Amino acid sequence: MKRFFKSFRDLVKEEDGMGTVEVILIIVVFVGLVVIFKNQITTIVESLFSKITDQTAKV
């Protein structure tokens, strides 16, 4: 685990900036995942808000 964090830290400290292509690819992948899992994400969010509403009503 320490090795992972060290690698991640080194990646963040790297002075070479990310190019536009890399940023666009990350955004495209993220949007694709949201589109694919839209129903599951909606169900989870609705469930969380329902639980929050129920818990605040008890207080």
PDB file of N, CA and C in Angstrom:
ATOM      1  N   MET A   1       0.826  -1.185   0.000  1.00  0.00           N
ATOM      2  CA  MET A   1       0.000   0.000   0.000  1.00  0.00           C
ATOM      3  C   MET A   1       0.878   1.259   0.000  1.00  0.00           C
ATOM      4  N   LYS A   2       1.954   1.222   0.774  1.00  0.00           N
ATOM      5  CA  LYS A   2       2.850   2.375   0.802  1.00  0.00           C
ATOM      6  C   LYS A   2       3.442   2.628  -0.577  1.00  0.00           C
ATOM      7  N   ARG A   3       3.706   1.535  -1.286  1.00  0.00           N
ATOM      8  CA  ARG A   3       4.285   1.651  -2.617  1.00  0.00           C
ATOM      9  C   ARG A   3       3.319   2.360  -3.560  1.00  0.00           C
ATOM     10  N   PHE A   4       2.032   2.039  -3.429  1.00  0.00           N
ATOM     11  CA  PHE A   4       1.014   2.681  -4.257  1.00  0.00           C
ATOM     12  C   PHE A   4       0.971   4.177  -3.997  1.00  0.00           C
ATOM     13  N   PHE A   5       0.955   4.576  -2.716  1.00  0.00           N
ATOM     14  CA  PHE A   5       0.892   5.994  -2.387  1.00  0.00           C
ATOM     15  C   PHE A   5       2.149   6.725  -2.834  1.00  0.00           C
ATOM     16  N   LYS A   6       3.303   6.054  -2.732  1.00  0.00           N
ATOM     17  CA  LYS A   6       4.547   6.675  -3.197  1.00  0.00           C
ATOM     18  C   LYS A   6       4.496   6.888  -4.693  1.00  0.00           C
ATOM     19  N   SER A   7       4.000   5.895  -5.431  1.00  0.00           N
ATOM     20  CA  SER A   7       3.875   6.030  -6.881  1.00  0.00           C
ATOM     21  C   SER A   7       2.889   7.137  -7.237  1.00  0.00           C
ATOM     22  N   PHE A   8       1.792   7.197  -6.499  1.00  0.00           N
ATOM     23  CA  PHE A   8       0.789   8.232  -6.746  1.00  0.00           C
ATOM     24  C   PHE A   8       1.371   9.612  -6.462  1.00  0.00           C
ATOM     25  N   ARG A   9       2.098   9.737  -5.351  1.00  0.00           N
ATOM     26  CA  ARG A   9       2.724  11.011  -4.991  1.00  0.00           C
ATOM     27  C   ARG A   9       3.721  11.432  -6.074  1.00  0.00           C
ATOM     28  N   ASP A  10       4.506  10.485  -6.549  1.00  0.00           N
ATOM     29  CA  ASP A  10       5.472  10.792  -7.606  1.00  0.00           C
ATOM     30  C   ASP A  10       4.762  11.242  -8.876  1.00  0.00           C
ATOM     31  N   LEU A  11       3.640  10.613  -9.182  1.00  0.00           N
ATOM     32  CA  LEU A  11       2.876  10.991 -10.363  1.00  0.00           C
ATOM     33  C   LEU A  11       2.347  12.413 -10.238  1.00  0.00           C
ATOM     34  N   VAL A  12       1.860  12.760  -9.043  1.00  0.00           N
ATOM     35  CA  VAL A  12       1.308  14.093  -8.825  1.00  0.00           C
ATOM     36  C   VAL A  12       2.415  15.142  -8.889  1.00  0.00           C
ATOM     37  N   LYS A  13       3.584  14.821  -8.343  1.00  0.00           N
ATOM     38  CA  LYS A  13       4.694  15.777  -8.320  1.00  0.00           C
ATOM     39  C   LYS A  13       5.401  15.906  -9.664  1.00  0.00           C
ATOM     40  N   GLU A  14       5.115  14.990 -10.574  1.00  0.00           N
ATOM     41  CA  GLU A  14       5.772  15.021 -11.875  1.00  0.00           C
ATOM     42  C   GLU A  14       5.540  16.373 -12.528  1.00  0.00           C
ATOM     43  N   GLU A  15       6.585  16.941 -13.068  1.00  0.00           N
ATOM     44  CA  GLU A  15       6.490  18.290 -13.609  1.00  0.00           C
ATOM     45  C   GLU A  15       5.922  18.330 -15.018  1.00  0.00           C
ATOM     46  N   ASP A  16       5.897  17.206 -15.694  1.00  0.00           N
ATOM     47  CA  ASP A  16       5.277  17.179 -17.017  1.00  0.00           C
ATOM     48  C   ASP A  16       3.770  17.299 -16.841  1.00  0.00           C
ATOM     49  N   GLY A  17       3.185  18.267 -17.502  1.00  0.00           N
ATOM     50  CA  GLY A  17       1.740  18.461 -17.369  1.00  0.00           C
ATOM     51  C   GLY A  17       0.974  17.466 -18.203  1.00  0.00           C
ATOM     52  N   MET A  18      -0.275  17.271 -17.821  1.00  0.00           N
ATOM     53  CA  MET A  18      -1.125  16.408 -18.632  1.00  0.00           C
ATOM     54  C   MET A  18      -1.536  17.187 -19.869  1.00  0.00           C
ATOM     55  N   GLY A  19      -1.545  16.500 -20.968  1.00  0.00           N
ATOM     56  CA  GLY A  19      -1.952  17.139 -22.205  1.00  0.00           C
ATOM     57  C   GLY A  19      -3.451  17.196 -22.339  1.00  0.00           C
ATOM     58  N   THR A  20      -3.888  17.962 -23.280  1.00  0.00           N
ATOM     59  CA  THR A  20      -5.316  18.116 -23.521  1.00  0.00           C
ATOM     60  C   THR A  20      -5.964  16.789 -23.887  1.00  0.00           C
ATOM     61  N   VAL A  21      -5.251  15.983 -24.655  1.00  0.00           N
ATOM     62  CA  VAL A  21      -5.802  14.698 -25.078  1.00  0.00           C
ATOM     63  C   VAL A  21      -6.091  13.803 -23.876  1.00  0.00           C
ATOM     64  N   GLU A  22      -5.173  13.762 -22.923  1.00  0.00           N
ATOM     65  CA  GLU A  22      -5.376  12.933 -21.734  1.00  0.00           C
ATOM     66  C   GLU A  22      -6.590  13.403 -20.936  1.00  0.00           C
ATOM     67  N   VAL A  23      -6.727  14.710 -20.772  1.00  0.00           N
ATOM     68  CA  VAL A  23      -7.865  15.252 -20.019  1.00  0.00           C
ATOM     69  C   VAL A  23      -9.169  14.922 -20.731  1.00  0.00           C
ATOM     70  N   ILE A  24      -9.195  15.074 -22.038  1.00  0.00           N
ATOM     71  CA  ILE A  24     -10.412  14.765 -22.798  1.00  0.00           C
ATOM     72  C   ILE A  24     -10.745  13.281 -22.687  1.00  0.00           C
ATOM     73  N   LEU A  25      -9.736  12.415 -22.760  1.00  0.00           N
ATOM     74  CA  LEU A  25      -9.995  10.975 -22.624  1.00  0.00           C
ATOM     75  C   LEU A  25     -10.562  10.636 -21.253  1.00  0.00           C
ATOM     76  N   ILE A  26     -10.037  11.246 -20.219  1.00  0.00           N
ATOM     77  CA  ILE A  26     -10.555  11.007 -18.864  1.00  0.00           C
ATOM     78  C   ILE A  26     -12.016  11.443 -18.778  1.00  0.00           C
ATOM     79  N   ILE A  27     -12.327  12.597 -19.329  1.00  0.00           N
ATOM     80  CA  ILE A  27     -13.704  13.093 -19.297  1.00  0.00           C
ATOM     81  C   ILE A  27     -14.633  12.169 -20.083  1.00  0.00           C
ATOM     82  N   VAL A  28     -14.183  11.709 -21.240  1.00  0.00           N
ATOM     83  CA  VAL A  28     -15.000  10.813 -22.068  1.00  0.00           C
ATOM     84  C   VAL A  28     -15.272   9.507 -21.330  1.00  0.00           C
ATOM     85  N   VAL A  29     -14.246   8.950 -20.675  1.00  0.00           N
ATOM     86  CA  VAL A  29     -14.433   7.709 -19.920  1.00  0.00           C
ATOM     87  C   VAL A  29     -15.408   7.940 -18.765  1.00  0.00           C
ATOM     88  N   PHE A  30     -15.250   9.043 -18.060  1.00  0.00           N
ATOM     89  CA  PHE A  30     -16.138   9.357 -16.935  1.00  0.00           C
ATOM     90  C   PHE A  30     -17.585   9.495 -17.405  1.00  0.00           C
ATOM     91  N   VAL A  31     -17.806  10.235 -18.472  1.00  0.00           N
ATOM     92  CA  VAL A  31     -19.161  10.418 -19.001  1.00  0.00           C
ATOM     93  C   VAL A  31     -19.721   9.078 -19.464  1.00  0.00           C
ATOM     94  N   GLY A  32     -18.889   8.264 -20.100  1.00  0.00           N
ATOM     95  CA  GLY A  32     -19.338   6.947 -20.536  1.00  0.00           C
ATOM     96  C   GLY A  32     -19.783   6.080 -19.376  1.00  0.00           C
ATOM     97  N   LEU A  33     -19.009   6.100 -18.287  1.00  0.00           N
ATOM     98  CA  LEU A  33     -19.386   5.321 -17.106  1.00  0.00           C
ATOM     99  C   LEU A  33     -20.690   5.815 -16.504  1.00  0.00           C
ATOM    100  N   VAL A  34     -20.865   7.124 -16.468  1.00  0.00           N
ATOM    101  CA  VAL A  34     -22.113   7.681 -15.935  1.00  0.00           C
ATOM    102  C   VAL A  34     -23.295   7.256 -16.794  1.00  0.00           C
ATOM    103  N   VAL A  35     -23.131   7.277 -18.103  1.00  0.00           N
ATOM    104  CA  VAL A  35     -24.222   6.877 -19.000  1.00  0.00           C
ATOM    105  C   VAL A  35     -24.541   5.394 -18.828  1.00  0.00           C
ATOM    106  N   ILE A  36     -23.495   4.565 -18.735  1.00  0.00           N
ATOM    107  CA  ILE A  36     -23.699   3.120 -18.604  1.00  0.00           C
ATOM    108  C   ILE A  36     -24.394   2.778 -17.288  1.00  0.00           C
ATOM    109  N   PHE A  37     -23.962   3.409 -16.202  1.00  0.00           N
ATOM    110  CA  PHE A  37     -24.479   3.069 -14.878  1.00  0.00           C
ATOM    111  C   PHE A  37     -25.486   4.084 -14.351  1.00  0.00           C
ATOM    112  N   LYS A  38     -26.162   4.802 -15.253  1.00  0.00           N
ATOM    113  CA  LYS A  38     -27.102   5.845 -14.855  1.00  0.00           C
ATOM    114  C   LYS A  38     -28.191   5.320 -13.925  1.00  0.00           C
ATOM    115  N   ASN A  39     -28.799   4.194 -14.257  1.00  0.00           N
ATOM    116  CA  ASN A  39     -29.884   3.656 -13.439  1.00  0.00           C
ATOM    117  C   ASN A  39     -29.395   3.274 -12.044  1.00  0.00           C
ATOM    118  N   GLN A  40     -28.234   2.638 -11.968  1.00  0.00           N
ATOM    119  CA  GLN A  40     -27.699   2.229 -10.671  1.00  0.00           C
ATOM    120  C   GLN A  40     -27.342   3.455  -9.826  1.00  0.00           C
ATOM    121  N   ILE A  41     -26.749   4.464 -10.451  1.00  0.00           N
ATOM    122  CA  ILE A  41     -26.381   5.685  -9.725  1.00  0.00           C
ATOM    123  C   ILE A  41     -27.630   6.382  -9.211  1.00  0.00           C
ATOM    124  N   THR A  42     -28.663   6.461 -10.043  1.00  0.00           N
ATOM    125  CA  THR A  42     -29.923   7.094  -9.637  1.00  0.00           C
ATOM    126  C   THR A  42     -30.541   6.350  -8.457  1.00  0.00           C
ATOM    127  N   THR A  43     -30.543   5.028  -8.511  1.00  0.00           N
ATOM    128  CA  THR A  43     -31.103   4.220  -7.422  1.00  0.00           C
ATOM    129  C   THR A  43     -30.343   4.458  -6.116  1.00  0.00           C
ATOM    130  N   ILE A  44     -29.033   4.484  -6.186  1.00  0.00           N
ATOM    131  CA  ILE A  44     -28.216   4.691  -4.981  1.00  0.00           C
ATOM    132  C   ILE A  44     -28.470   6.071  -4.393  1.00  0.00           C
ATOM    133  N   VAL A  45     -28.496   7.102  -5.231  1.00  0.00           N
ATOM    134  CA  VAL A  45     -28.700   8.468  -4.744  1.00  0.00           C
ATOM    135  C   VAL A  45     -30.094   8.610  -4.131  1.00  0.00           C
ATOM    136  N   GLU A  46     -31.105   8.064  -4.782  1.00  0.00           N
ATOM    137  CA  GLU A  46     -32.463   8.137  -4.231  1.00  0.00           C
ATOM    138  C   GLU A  46     -32.543   7.406  -2.896  1.00  0.00           C
ATOM    139  N   SER A  47     -31.878   6.270  -2.787  1.00  0.00           N
ATOM    140  CA  SER A  47     -31.863   5.519  -1.544  1.00  0.00           C
ATOM    141  C   SER A  47     -31.183   6.318  -0.430  1.00  0.00           C
ATOM    142  N   LEU A  48     -30.071   6.942  -0.759  1.00  0.00           N
ATOM    143  CA  LEU A  48     -29.365   7.748   0.246  1.00  0.00           C
ATOM    144  C   LEU A  48     -30.223   8.912   0.729  1.00  0.00           C
ATOM    145  N   PHE A  49     -30.851   9.625  -0.203  1.00  0.00           N
ATOM    146  CA  PHE A  49     -31.698  10.747   0.202  1.00  0.00           C
ATOM    147  C   PHE A  49     -32.906  10.273   1.003  1.00  0.00           C
ATOM    148  N   SER A  50     -33.439   9.122   0.674  1.00  0.00           N
ATOM    149  CA  SER A  50     -34.549   8.570   1.430  1.00  0.00           C
ATOM    150  C   SER A  50     -34.117   8.263   2.862  1.00  0.00           C
ATOM    151  N   LYS A  51     -32.960   7.649   3.014  1.00  0.00           N
ATOM    152  CA  LYS A  51     -32.450   7.350   4.355  1.00  0.00           C
ATOM    153  C   LYS A  51     -32.165   8.618   5.146  1.00  0.00           C
ATOM    154  N   ILE A  52     -31.595   9.619   4.475  1.00  0.00           N
ATOM    155  CA  ILE A  52     -31.318  10.893   5.155  1.00  0.00           C
ATOM    156  C   ILE A  52     -32.614  11.526   5.625  1.00  0.00           C
ATOM    157  N   THR A  53     -33.634  11.517   4.789  1.00  0.00           N
ATOM    158  CA  THR A  53     -34.930  12.098   5.148  1.00  0.00           C
ATOM    159  C   THR A  53     -35.542  11.341   6.329  1.00  0.00           C
ATOM    160  N   ASP A  54     -35.471  10.023   6.295  1.00  0.00           N
ATOM    161  CA  ASP A  54     -36.015   9.217   7.393  1.00  0.00           C
ATOM    162  C   ASP A  54     -35.281   9.486   8.703  1.00  0.00           C
ATOM    163  N   GLN A  55     -33.960   9.592   8.634  1.00  0.00           N
ATOM    164  CA  GLN A  55     -33.172   9.811   9.844  1.00  0.00           C
ATOM    165  C   GLN A  55     -33.407  11.198  10.409  1.00  0.00           C
ATOM    166  N   THR A  56     -33.550  12.213   9.560  1.00  0.00           N
ATOM    167  CA  THR A  56     -33.803  13.575  10.074  1.00  0.00           C
ATOM    168  C   THR A  56     -35.198  13.681  10.652  1.00  0.00           C
ATOM    169  N   ALA A  57     -36.134  12.904  10.157  1.00  0.00           N
ATOM    170  CA  ALA A  57     -37.487  12.939  10.700  1.00  0.00           C
ATOM    171  C   ALA A  57     -37.512  12.363  12.118  1.00  0.00           C
ATOM    172  N   LYS A  58     -36.612  11.419  12.398  1.00  0.00           N
ATOM    173  CA  LYS A  58     -36.541  10.807  13.718  1.00  0.00           C
ATOM    174  C   LYS A  58     -35.936  11.747  14.750  1.00  0.00           C
ATOM    175  N   VAL A  59     -35.134  12.677  14.308  1.00  0.00           N
ATOM    176  CA  VAL A  59     -34.461  13.620  15.229  1.00  0.00           C
ATOM    177  C   VAL A  59     -35.412  14.688  15.569  1.00  0.00           C
TER     178      VAL A  59
END
